[in-house]
Amino acid sequence: MSKTIKIQILHELAMNSAKNETYQMGVVEKAVDAKLITAAFHEQAGNEAYHEAMLSRYMFSQIEVLKTFFADYLTGGGNVAEDATISGAEANGVTEILLSVSDRFNDGYVKTLARLSQKFVEDRMIYLWWHSVSKEFAAIYGGAAEEDRAGIMACFNKTAPSAPVYRFPTAIEIKYPIIPARGDVPGIITPDNTGHVQDVQLFSNPWIIGIGDDSEISYTIYGEDNGVSVIDDIMVRADNPCCQPCIGSDGCWHLRGMSAGFSVVTLFSRHNDQVFAKFAVRVVK
């Protein structure tokens, strides 16, 4: 089971954060030594065209790096799905990432994941900006980015244990014996119609087996998820000992003729009284 969560990376916020952080460093440089004014100017990420180009390249490359972190935590084939209308033009200055995660993912961490993802991109942008200028400054933001990454991973790890889910049948369909309706005489009885076997079927349209015969009862069960992984909890009972339900060597339900007589046989779910099917049986010599 999975669900989809959405996180957004705001481009303007990332660009401004990088500019503000590097501006602060440049101010410190100039305060220490006035001769560093020119150097500080080039160390600060400003509005110059080449500054914008470099920061933009850093931002988009780190968004792609961010996506790779999610691969180990995704369900549904491990794909990172992006809205097709956004992935090409990055509409409205936002990169929107849709993640298919386990339904155990704690929804309380969605905002945390989004904010840490935004901060990771920003810290990595600053790290790359400073890497060619000051290894010391770069190390500070490189360490911060690693902390962001650890926090992102923790958002996926801090999930509550999942209680086991047992999927029991919601419907049963008898495949064999095939007892069609003949005129006013009903055939197989299920909750979809009268819900009981009428006397006219018991005597006029039963499944006929011989004493000592051992015949399989074939049925199909369905669940809310179209039958996938539905637990077979079906039991069989006969209201007359002339026939005896039993488990055959093949592990399936069989009906064994014991003595001449009539009986109503019911297949039913042990967990839902509304899931059943009935048919009439006549045992002959």
C-alpha atoms as a PDB file:
ATOM      1  CA  MET A   1       0.000   0.000   0.000  1.00  0.00           C
ATOM      2  CA  SER A   2       1.299   3.435  -0.865  1.00  0.00           C
ATOM      3  CA  LYS A   3       0.333   7.087  -0.900  1.00  0.00           C
ATOM      4  CA  THR A   4       1.614  10.183  -2.676  1.00  0.00           C
ATOM      5  CA  ILE A   5       3.189  13.163  -0.958  1.00  0.00           C
ATOM      6  CA  LYS A   6       4.329  16.397  -2.571  1.00  0.00           C
ATOM      7  CA  ILE A   7       7.297  18.618  -1.816  1.00  0.00           C
ATOM      8  CA  GLN A   8       8.245  21.864  -3.534  1.00  0.00           C
ATOM      9  CA  ILE A   9      11.597  23.554  -4.027  1.00  0.00           C
ATOM     10  CA  LEU A  10      11.159  27.328  -4.333  1.00  0.00           C
ATOM     11  CA  HIS A  11      13.753  28.706  -6.720  1.00  0.00           C
ATOM     12  CA  GLU A  12      13.670  32.345  -5.583  1.00  0.00           C
ATOM     13  CA  LEU A  13      14.017  31.323  -1.940  1.00  0.00           C
ATOM     14  CA  ALA A  14      17.022  29.154  -2.754  1.00  0.00           C
ATOM     15  CA  MET A  15      18.713  31.884  -4.797  1.00  0.00           C
ATOM     16  CA  ASN A  16      18.108  34.577  -2.172  1.00  0.00           C
ATOM     17  CA  SER A  17      19.319  32.333   0.657  1.00  0.00           C
ATOM     18  CA  ALA A  18      22.591  31.711  -1.174  1.00  0.00           C
ATOM     19  CA  LYS A  19      23.042  35.418  -1.878  1.00  0.00           C
ATOM     20  CA  ASN A  20      22.286  36.417   1.710  1.00  0.00           C
ATOM     21  CA  GLU A  21      24.685  33.874   3.204  1.00  0.00           C
ATOM     22  CA  THR A  22      27.564  34.815   0.920  1.00  0.00           C
ATOM     23  CA  TYR A  23      26.840  38.532   1.438  1.00  0.00           C
ATOM     24  CA  GLN A  24      27.218  38.064   5.170  1.00  0.00           C
ATOM     25  CA  MET A  25      30.585  36.394   4.677  1.00  0.00           C
ATOM     26  CA  GLY A  26      31.692  39.214   2.421  1.00  0.00           C
ATOM     27  CA  VAL A  27      30.724  41.826   5.023  1.00  0.00           C
ATOM     28  CA  VAL A  28      32.865  40.007   7.590  1.00  0.00           C
ATOM     29  CA  GLU A  29      35.783  39.972   5.165  1.00  0.00           C
ATOM     30  CA  LYS A  30      35.555  43.749   4.597  1.00  0.00           C
ATOM     31  CA  ALA A  31      35.174  44.439   8.296  1.00  0.00           C
ATOM     32  CA  VAL A  32      38.392  42.557   9.029  1.00  0.00           C
ATOM     33  CA  ASP A  33      40.444  44.312   6.368  1.00  0.00           C
ATOM     34  CA  ALA A  34      39.299  47.226   4.197  1.00  0.00           C
ATOM     35  CA  LYS A  35      41.787  46.154   1.519  1.00  0.00           C
ATOM     36  CA  LEU A  36      39.578  43.098   0.888  1.00  0.00           C
ATOM     37  CA  ILE A  37      36.685  45.135  -0.467  1.00  0.00           C
ATOM     38  CA  THR A  38      37.289  44.062  -4.066  1.00  0.00           C
ATOM     39  CA  ALA A  39      37.871  40.432  -3.108  1.00  0.00           C
ATOM     40  CA  ALA A  40      34.775  40.418  -0.936  1.00  0.00           C
ATOM     41  CA  PHE A  41      32.708  41.805  -3.808  1.00  0.00           C
ATOM     42  CA  HIS A  42      33.577  38.838  -5.977  1.00  0.00           C
ATOM     43  CA  GLU A  43      33.091  36.395  -3.105  1.00  0.00           C
ATOM     44  CA  GLN A  44      29.522  37.561  -2.568  1.00  0.00           C
ATOM     45  CA  ALA A  45      26.843  36.077  -4.784  1.00  0.00           C
ATOM     46  CA  GLY A  46      25.077  39.112  -6.161  1.00  0.00           C
ATOM     47  CA  ASN A  47      22.846  40.023  -9.059  1.00  0.00           C
ATOM     48  CA  GLU A  48      25.552  39.953 -11.733  1.00  0.00           C
ATOM     49  CA  ALA A  49      24.637  37.812 -14.720  1.00  0.00           C
ATOM     50  CA  TYR A  50      27.415  35.283 -14.175  1.00  0.00           C
ATOM     51  CA  HIS A  51      26.523  35.016 -10.475  1.00  0.00           C
ATOM     52  CA  GLU A  52      22.926  34.231 -11.408  1.00  0.00           C
ATOM     53  CA  ALA A  53      24.048  31.680 -13.982  1.00  0.00           C
ATOM     54  CA  MET A  54      26.342  29.863 -11.576  1.00  0.00           C
ATOM     55  CA  LEU A  55      23.784  29.771  -8.748  1.00  0.00           C
ATOM     56  CA  SER A  56      21.106  28.573 -11.157  1.00  0.00           C
ATOM     57  CA  ARG A  57      23.332  25.720 -12.316  1.00  0.00           C
ATOM     58  CA  TYR A  58      24.132  24.770  -8.720  1.00  0.00           C
ATOM     59  CA  MET A  59      20.457  24.863  -7.763  1.00  0.00           C
ATOM     60  CA  PHE A  60      19.148  22.625 -10.535  1.00  0.00           C
ATOM     61  CA  SER A  61      21.999  20.132 -10.193  1.00  0.00           C
ATOM     62  CA  GLN A  62      21.388  19.804  -6.457  1.00  0.00           C
ATOM     63  CA  ILE A  63      17.664  19.327  -6.984  1.00  0.00           C
ATOM     64  CA  GLU A  64      18.580  16.310  -9.098  1.00  0.00           C
ATOM     65  CA  VAL A  65      20.938  15.075  -6.370  1.00  0.00           C
ATOM     66  CA  LEU A  66      18.081  15.465  -3.882  1.00  0.00           C
ATOM     67  CA  LYS A  67      15.897  13.175  -5.963  1.00  0.00           C
ATOM     68  CA  THR A  68      18.455  10.390  -5.801  1.00  0.00           C
ATOM     69  CA  PHE A  69      18.178  10.387  -1.989  1.00  0.00           C
ATOM     70  CA  PHE A  70      14.533   9.390  -2.257  1.00  0.00           C
ATOM     71  CA  ALA A  71      15.098   6.303  -4.418  1.00  0.00           C
ATOM     72  CA  ASP A  72      15.574   3.889  -1.497  1.00  0.00           C
ATOM     73  CA  TYR A  73      12.318   4.947   0.147  1.00  0.00           C
ATOM     74  CA  LEU A  74       9.874   4.912  -2.757  1.00  0.00           C
ATOM     75  CA  THR A  75       7.218   2.349  -3.594  1.00  0.00           C
ATOM     76  CA  GLY A  76       5.520   1.495  -6.862  1.00  0.00           C
ATOM     77  CA  GLY A  77       8.666   0.700  -8.855  1.00  0.00           C
ATOM     78  CA  GLY A  78      10.955   3.260  -7.251  1.00  0.00           C
ATOM     79  CA  ASN A  79      10.166   6.096  -9.627  1.00  0.00           C
ATOM     80  CA  VAL A  80      10.341   9.782  -8.759  1.00  0.00           C
ATOM     81  CA  ALA A  81       7.315  11.224 -10.526  1.00  0.00           C
ATOM     82  CA  GLU A  82       7.288  14.858 -11.583  1.00  0.00           C
ATOM     83  CA  ASP A  83       4.325  16.750 -12.902  1.00  0.00           C
ATOM     84  CA  ALA A  84       4.896  16.838 -16.654  1.00  0.00           C
ATOM     85  CA  THR A  85       3.730  20.447 -16.854  1.00  0.00           C
ATOM     86  CA  ILE A  86       6.388  21.547 -14.393  1.00  0.00           C
ATOM     87  CA  SER A  87       9.423  19.410 -15.178  1.00  0.00           C
ATOM     88  CA  GLY A  88      10.121  21.125 -18.501  1.00  0.00           C
ATOM     89  CA  ALA A  89       9.685  24.819 -17.752  1.00  0.00           C
ATOM     90  CA  GLU A  90       9.891  24.732 -13.939  1.00  0.00           C
ATOM     91  CA  ALA A  91       6.632  26.676 -13.877  1.00  0.00           C
ATOM     92  CA  ASN A  92       6.275  29.677 -11.607  1.00  0.00           C
ATOM     93  CA  GLY A  93       9.752  29.242 -10.187  1.00  0.00           C
ATOM     94  CA  VAL A  94       8.870  26.014  -8.404  1.00  0.00           C
ATOM     95  CA  THR A  95      10.087  22.450  -8.787  1.00  0.00           C
ATOM     96  CA  GLU A  96       7.359  20.110  -7.574  1.00  0.00           C
ATOM     97  CA  ILE A  97       8.323  16.543  -6.723  1.00  0.00           C
ATOM     98  CA  LEU A  98       5.706  13.853  -6.151  1.00  0.00           C
ATOM     99  CA  LEU A  99       6.835  10.877  -4.084  1.00  0.00           C
ATOM    100  CA  SER A 100       5.046   7.535  -3.882  1.00  0.00           C
ATOM    101  CA  VAL A 101       5.806   6.380  -0.347  1.00  0.00           C
ATOM    102  CA  SER A 102       4.628   3.625   1.967  1.00  0.00           C
ATOM    103  CA  ASP A 103       1.297   4.252   3.646  1.00  0.00           C
ATOM    104  CA  ARG A 104       3.264   3.935   6.901  1.00  0.00           C
ATOM    105  CA  PHE A 105       4.970   7.262   6.196  1.00  0.00           C
ATOM    106  CA  ASN A 106       4.157   9.623   9.062  1.00  0.00           C
ATOM    107  CA  ASP A 107       2.200  12.556   7.614  1.00  0.00           C
ATOM    108  CA  GLY A 108       3.564  14.742  10.405  1.00  0.00           C
ATOM    109  CA  TYR A 109       6.932  14.671   8.626  1.00  0.00           C
ATOM    110  CA  VAL A 110       5.699  15.935   5.245  1.00  0.00           C
ATOM    111  CA  LYS A 111       6.431  19.593   6.071  1.00  0.00           C
ATOM    112  CA  THR A 112       9.672  18.588   7.769  1.00  0.00           C
ATOM    113  CA  LEU A 113      10.744  16.705   4.644  1.00  0.00           C
ATOM    114  CA  ALA A 114       9.855  19.669   2.431  1.00  0.00           C
ATOM    115  CA  ARG A 115      11.780  22.185   4.549  1.00  0.00           C
ATOM    116  CA  LEU A 116      14.838  19.961   4.915  1.00  0.00           C
ATOM    117  CA  SER A 117      14.819  19.337   1.159  1.00  0.00           C
ATOM    118  CA  GLN A 118      14.735  23.086   0.506  1.00  0.00           C
ATOM    119  CA  LYS A 119      17.545  23.672   3.006  1.00  0.00           C
ATOM    120  CA  PHE A 120      19.656  20.874   1.511  1.00  0.00           C
ATOM    121  CA  VAL A 121      19.517  22.508  -1.919  1.00  0.00           C
ATOM    122  CA  GLU A 122      20.430  25.890  -0.423  1.00  0.00           C
ATOM    123  CA  ASP A 123      23.332  24.565   1.684  1.00  0.00           C
ATOM    124  CA  ARG A 124      24.733  22.642  -1.259  1.00  0.00           C
ATOM    125  CA  MET A 125      24.495  25.747  -3.462  1.00  0.00           C
ATOM    126  CA  ILE A 126      26.496  27.763  -0.922  1.00  0.00           C
ATOM    127  CA  TYR A 127      28.960  24.913  -0.505  1.00  0.00           C
ATOM    128  CA  LEU A 128      29.626  24.815  -4.242  1.00  0.00           C
ATOM    129  CA  TRP A 129      29.902  28.612  -4.413  1.00  0.00           C
ATOM    130  CA  TRP A 130      32.516  28.739  -1.688  1.00  0.00           C
ATOM    131  CA  HIS A 131      34.365  25.603  -2.731  1.00  0.00           C
ATOM    132  CA  SER A 132      36.483  27.452  -5.273  1.00  0.00           C
ATOM    133  CA  VAL A 133      37.024  30.462  -2.984  1.00  0.00           C
ATOM    134  CA  SER A 134      37.403  29.245   0.577  1.00  0.00           C
ATOM    135  CA  LYS A 135      37.650  25.584   1.531  1.00  0.00           C
ATOM    136  CA  GLU A 136      37.109  26.595   5.152  1.00  0.00           C
ATOM    137  CA  PHE A 137      33.763  28.276   4.459  1.00  0.00           C
ATOM    138  CA  ALA A 138      32.808  25.490   2.049  1.00  0.00           C
ATOM    139  CA  ALA A 139      33.353  22.861   4.763  1.00  0.00           C
ATOM    140  CA  ILE A 140      30.840  24.602   7.031  1.00  0.00           C
ATOM    141  CA  TYR A 141      28.054  24.373   4.484  1.00  0.00           C
ATOM    142  CA  GLY A 142      29.114  20.934   3.305  1.00  0.00           C
ATOM    143  CA  GLY A 143      28.661  19.719   6.874  1.00  0.00           C
ATOM    144  CA  ALA A 144      25.283  21.454   7.103  1.00  0.00           C
ATOM    145  CA  ALA A 145      24.143  19.734   3.892  1.00  0.00           C
ATOM    146  CA  GLU A 146      25.098  16.333   5.332  1.00  0.00           C
ATOM    147  CA  GLU A 147      23.013  17.101   8.424  1.00  0.00           C
ATOM    148  CA  ASP A 148      20.115  17.996   6.127  1.00  0.00           C
ATOM    149  CA  ARG A 149      20.530  14.696   4.327  1.00  0.00           C
ATOM    150  CA  ALA A 150      20.511  12.759   7.608  1.00  0.00           C
ATOM    151  CA  GLY A 151      17.312  14.566   8.595  1.00  0.00           C
ATOM    152  CA  ILE A 152      15.706  13.711   5.252  1.00  0.00           C
ATOM    153  CA  MET A 153      16.490  10.034   5.787  1.00  0.00           C
ATOM    154  CA  ALA A 154      15.144  10.182   9.347  1.00  0.00           C
ATOM    155  CA  CYS A 155      11.787  11.406   8.014  1.00  0.00           C
ATOM    156  CA  PHE A 156      11.390   8.043   6.288  1.00  0.00           C
ATOM    157  CA  ASN A 157      12.819   5.939   9.109  1.00  0.00           C
ATOM    158  CA  LYS A 158      10.720   7.402  11.928  1.00  0.00           C
ATOM    159  CA  THR A 159       7.510   5.662  10.918  1.00  0.00           C
ATOM    160  CA  ALA A 160       5.163   3.785  13.149  1.00  0.00           C
ATOM    161  CA  PRO A 161       5.059  -0.009  12.831  1.00  0.00           C
ATOM    162  CA  SER A 162       2.291  -1.193  10.574  1.00  0.00           C
ATOM    163  CA  ALA A 163      -0.370  -3.404  12.093  1.00  0.00           C
ATOM    164  CA  PRO A 164      -1.011  -6.519  10.015  1.00  0.00           C
ATOM    165  CA  VAL A 165      -3.983  -6.244   7.694  1.00  0.00           C
ATOM    166  CA  TYR A 166      -6.025  -9.346   7.007  1.00  0.00           C
ATOM    167  CA  ARG A 167      -8.165  -9.185   3.888  1.00  0.00           C
ATOM    168  CA  PHE A 168     -11.120 -11.486   4.197  1.00  0.00           C
ATOM    169  CA  PRO A 169     -13.617 -12.235   1.396  1.00  0.00           C
ATOM    170  CA  THR A 170     -16.451  -9.868   0.614  1.00  0.00           C
ATOM    171  CA  ALA A 171     -18.121 -12.190  -1.904  1.00  0.00           C
ATOM    172  CA  ILE A 172     -18.083 -15.845  -2.896  1.00  0.00           C
ATOM    173  CA  GLU A 173     -19.028 -17.407  -6.223  1.00  0.00           C
ATOM    174  CA  ILE A 174     -19.552 -21.147  -6.627  1.00  0.00           C
ATOM    175  CA  LYS A 175     -17.986 -22.507  -9.812  1.00  0.00           C
ATOM    176  CA  TYR A 176     -18.958 -26.148  -9.367  1.00  0.00           C
ATOM    177  CA  PRO A 177     -21.437 -27.734  -8.986  1.00  0.00           C
ATOM    178  CA  ILE A 178     -23.165 -25.769 -11.735  1.00  0.00           C
ATOM    179  CA  ILE A 179     -26.865 -25.623 -10.874  1.00  0.00           C
ATOM    180  CA  PRO A 180     -28.618 -23.181 -13.194  1.00  0.00           C
ATOM    181  CA  ALA A 181     -32.102 -21.892 -12.614  1.00  0.00           C
ATOM    182  CA  ARG A 182     -34.750 -23.811 -14.550  1.00  0.00           C
ATOM    183  CA  GLY A 183     -37.892 -21.773 -14.988  1.00  0.00           C
ATOM    184  CA  ASP A 184     -39.217 -20.992 -11.535  1.00  0.00           C
ATOM    185  CA  VAL A 185     -36.735 -23.377  -9.937  1.00  0.00           C
ATOM    186  CA  PRO A 186     -33.751 -21.424  -8.512  1.00  0.00           C
ATOM    187  CA  GLY A 187     -30.165 -22.495  -8.958  1.00  0.00           C
ATOM    188  CA  ILE A 188     -27.251 -21.540  -6.736  1.00  0.00           C
ATOM    189  CA  ILE A 189     -28.363 -19.232  -3.944  1.00  0.00           C
ATOM    190  CA  THR A 190     -26.170 -16.275  -2.872  1.00  0.00           C
ATOM    191  CA  PRO A 191     -26.832 -13.084  -0.878  1.00  0.00           C
ATOM    192  CA  ASP A 192     -27.518 -11.344  -4.197  1.00  0.00           C
ATOM    193  CA  ASN A 193     -30.995 -12.882  -4.352  1.00  0.00           C
ATOM    194  CA  THR A 194     -33.266 -14.663  -1.846  1.00  0.00           C
ATOM    195  CA  GLY A 195     -30.487 -15.787   0.501  1.00  0.00           C
ATOM    196  CA  HIS A 196     -32.040 -19.196   1.175  1.00  0.00           C
ATOM    197  CA  VAL A 197     -32.730 -22.453  -0.604  1.00  0.00           C
ATOM    198  CA  GLN A 198     -36.351 -23.002  -1.476  1.00  0.00           C
ATOM    199  CA  ASP A 199     -37.931 -26.432  -1.134  1.00  0.00           C
ATOM    200  CA  VAL A 200     -38.608 -26.531  -4.853  1.00  0.00           C
ATOM    201  CA  GLN A 201     -34.837 -26.493  -5.560  1.00  0.00           C
ATOM    202  CA  LEU A 202     -34.139 -29.059  -2.878  1.00  0.00           C
ATOM    203  CA  PHE A 203     -36.394 -31.564  -4.591  1.00  0.00           C
ATOM    204  CA  SER A 204     -36.436 -30.424  -8.225  1.00  0.00           C
ATOM    205  CA  ASN A 205     -32.967 -29.055  -8.972  1.00  0.00           C
ATOM    206  CA  PRO A 206     -30.338 -30.470  -6.594  1.00  0.00           C
ATOM    207  CA  TRP A 207     -26.756 -31.504  -7.175  1.00  0.00           C
ATOM    208  CA  ILE A 208     -26.878 -35.284  -7.358  1.00  0.00           C
ATOM    209  CA  ILE A 209     -24.026 -37.395  -5.973  1.00  0.00           C
ATOM    210  CA  GLY A 210     -23.813 -41.067  -5.119  1.00  0.00           C
ATOM    211  CA  ILE A 211     -23.161 -42.751  -1.818  1.00  0.00           C
ATOM    212  CA  GLY A 212     -19.382 -42.995  -1.443  1.00  0.00           C
ATOM    213  CA  ASP A 213     -18.751 -40.359  -4.090  1.00  0.00           C
ATOM    214  CA  ASP A 214     -16.209 -37.668  -3.247  1.00  0.00           C
ATOM    215  CA  SER A 215     -16.719 -34.536  -5.371  1.00  0.00           C
ATOM    216  CA  GLU A 216     -14.879 -31.227  -5.193  1.00  0.00           C
ATOM    217  CA  ILE A 217     -16.706 -27.979  -4.463  1.00  0.00           C
ATOM    218  CA  SER A 218     -15.103 -25.259  -6.594  1.00  0.00           C
ATOM    219  CA  TYR A 219     -15.537 -21.581  -5.704  1.00  0.00           C
ATOM    220  CA  THR A 220     -13.931 -18.163  -6.149  1.00  0.00           C
ATOM    221  CA  ILE A 221     -13.634 -15.537  -3.439  1.00  0.00           C
ATOM    222  CA  TYR A 222     -13.418 -11.781  -3.974  1.00  0.00           C
ATOM    223  CA  GLY A 223     -12.270  -8.909  -1.797  1.00  0.00           C
ATOM    224  CA  GLU A 224     -12.289  -5.125  -1.777  1.00  0.00           C
ATOM    225  CA  ASP A 225      -8.978  -5.117  -3.659  1.00  0.00           C
ATOM    226  CA  ASN A 226     -10.364  -7.313  -6.486  1.00  0.00           C
ATOM    227  CA  GLY A 227      -9.323 -10.550  -4.896  1.00  0.00           C
ATOM    228  CA  VAL A 228      -5.622  -9.843  -4.496  1.00  0.00           C
ATOM    229  CA  SER A 229      -4.192 -11.516  -1.376  1.00  0.00           C
ATOM    230  CA  VAL A 230      -7.627 -12.380  -0.001  1.00  0.00           C
ATOM    231  CA  ILE A 231      -7.481 -14.930   2.807  1.00  0.00           C
ATOM    232  CA  ASP A 232      -9.533 -18.031   2.163  1.00  0.00           C
ATOM    233  CA  ASP A 233     -11.522 -18.438   5.382  1.00  0.00           C
ATOM    234  CA  ILE A 234     -14.385 -20.330   3.745  1.00  0.00           C
ATOM    235  CA  MET A 235     -16.064 -23.115   5.706  1.00  0.00           C
ATOM    236  CA  VAL A 236     -18.633 -25.634   4.488  1.00  0.00           C
ATOM    237  CA  ARG A 237     -21.521 -27.191   6.378  1.00  0.00           C
ATOM    238  CA  ALA A 238     -24.398 -29.511   5.470  1.00  0.00           C
ATOM    239  CA  ASP A 239     -27.672 -29.525   7.362  1.00  0.00           C
ATOM    240  CA  ASN A 240     -28.135 -33.275   6.870  1.00  0.00           C
ATOM    241  CA  PRO A 241     -25.565 -35.988   7.630  1.00  0.00           C
ATOM    242  CA  CYS A 242     -26.426 -37.728   4.372  1.00  0.00           C
ATOM    243  CA  CYS A 243     -23.471 -35.808   2.922  1.00  0.00           C
ATOM    244  CA  GLN A 244     -20.287 -34.834   4.666  1.00  0.00           C
ATOM    245  CA  PRO A 245     -18.062 -31.804   3.799  1.00  0.00           C
ATOM    246  CA  CYS A 246     -14.376 -32.676   4.099  1.00  0.00           C
ATOM    247  CA  ILE A 247     -10.938 -31.475   3.034  1.00  0.00           C
ATOM    248  CA  GLY A 248      -9.583 -33.597   0.205  1.00  0.00           C
ATOM    249  CA  SER A 249      -5.979 -34.625  -0.380  1.00  0.00           C
ATOM    250  CA  ASP A 250      -5.682 -31.653  -2.737  1.00  0.00           C
ATOM    251  CA  GLY A 251      -6.457 -29.253   0.139  1.00  0.00           C
ATOM    252  CA  CYS A 252      -9.841 -28.283  -1.343  1.00  0.00           C
ATOM    253  CA  TRP A 253     -13.328 -28.697   0.015  1.00  0.00           C
ATOM    254  CA  HIS A 254     -15.086 -31.889  -1.097  1.00  0.00           C
ATOM    255  CA  LEU A 255     -18.551 -33.281  -0.529  1.00  0.00           C
ATOM    256  CA  ARG A 256     -18.836 -36.975   0.264  1.00  0.00           C
ATOM    257  CA  GLY A 257     -22.080 -38.921  -0.070  1.00  0.00           C
ATOM    258  CA  MET A 258     -22.764 -40.897   3.111  1.00  0.00           C
ATOM    259  CA  SER A 259     -26.372 -42.106   2.805  1.00  0.00           C
ATOM    260  CA  ALA A 260     -29.431 -41.472   0.663  1.00  0.00           C
ATOM    261  CA  GLY A 261     -31.162 -38.195   1.414  1.00  0.00           C
ATOM    262  CA  PHE A 262     -31.443 -34.447   0.793  1.00  0.00           C
ATOM    263  CA  SER A 263     -29.372 -31.629   2.246  1.00  0.00           C
ATOM    264  CA  VAL A 264     -28.642 -27.949   1.943  1.00  0.00           C
ATOM    265  CA  VAL A 265     -24.916 -27.168   1.739  1.00  0.00           C
ATOM    266  CA  THR A 266     -23.660 -23.728   2.771  1.00  0.00           C
ATOM    267  CA  LEU A 267     -20.301 -22.155   2.012  1.00  0.00           C
ATOM    268  CA  PHE A 268     -19.653 -19.216   4.330  1.00  0.00           C
ATOM    269  CA  SER A 269     -16.936 -16.851   5.558  1.00  0.00           C
ATOM    270  CA  ARG A 270     -15.925 -17.272   9.182  1.00  0.00           C
ATOM    271  CA  HIS A 271     -15.468 -13.486   9.472  1.00  0.00           C
ATOM    272  CA  ASN A 272     -18.500 -12.149   7.624  1.00  0.00           C
ATOM    273  CA  ASP A 273     -22.025 -13.570   7.925  1.00  0.00           C
ATOM    274  CA  GLN A 274     -23.034 -11.792   4.724  1.00  0.00           C
ATOM    275  CA  VAL A 275     -20.572 -13.768   2.596  1.00  0.00           C
ATOM    276  CA  PHE A 276     -22.148 -17.131   1.736  1.00  0.00           C
ATOM    277  CA  ALA A 277     -23.540 -19.319  -1.019  1.00  0.00           C
ATOM    278  CA  LYS A 278     -25.901 -22.280  -0.824  1.00  0.00           C
ATOM    279  CA  PHE A 279     -27.003 -25.172  -2.994  1.00  0.00           C
ATOM    280  CA  ALA A 280     -29.133 -28.289  -2.620  1.00  0.00           C
ATOM    281  CA  VAL A 281     -27.746 -31.816  -2.732  1.00  0.00           C
ATOM    282  CA  ARG A 282     -29.407 -35.158  -3.238  1.00  0.00           C
ATOM    283  CA  VAL A 283     -27.467 -38.272  -2.344  1.00  0.00           C
ATOM    284  CA  VAL A 284     -28.565 -41.404  -4.226  1.00  0.00           C
ATOM    285  CA  LYS A 285     -27.568 -45.067  -4.067  1.00  0.00           C
END
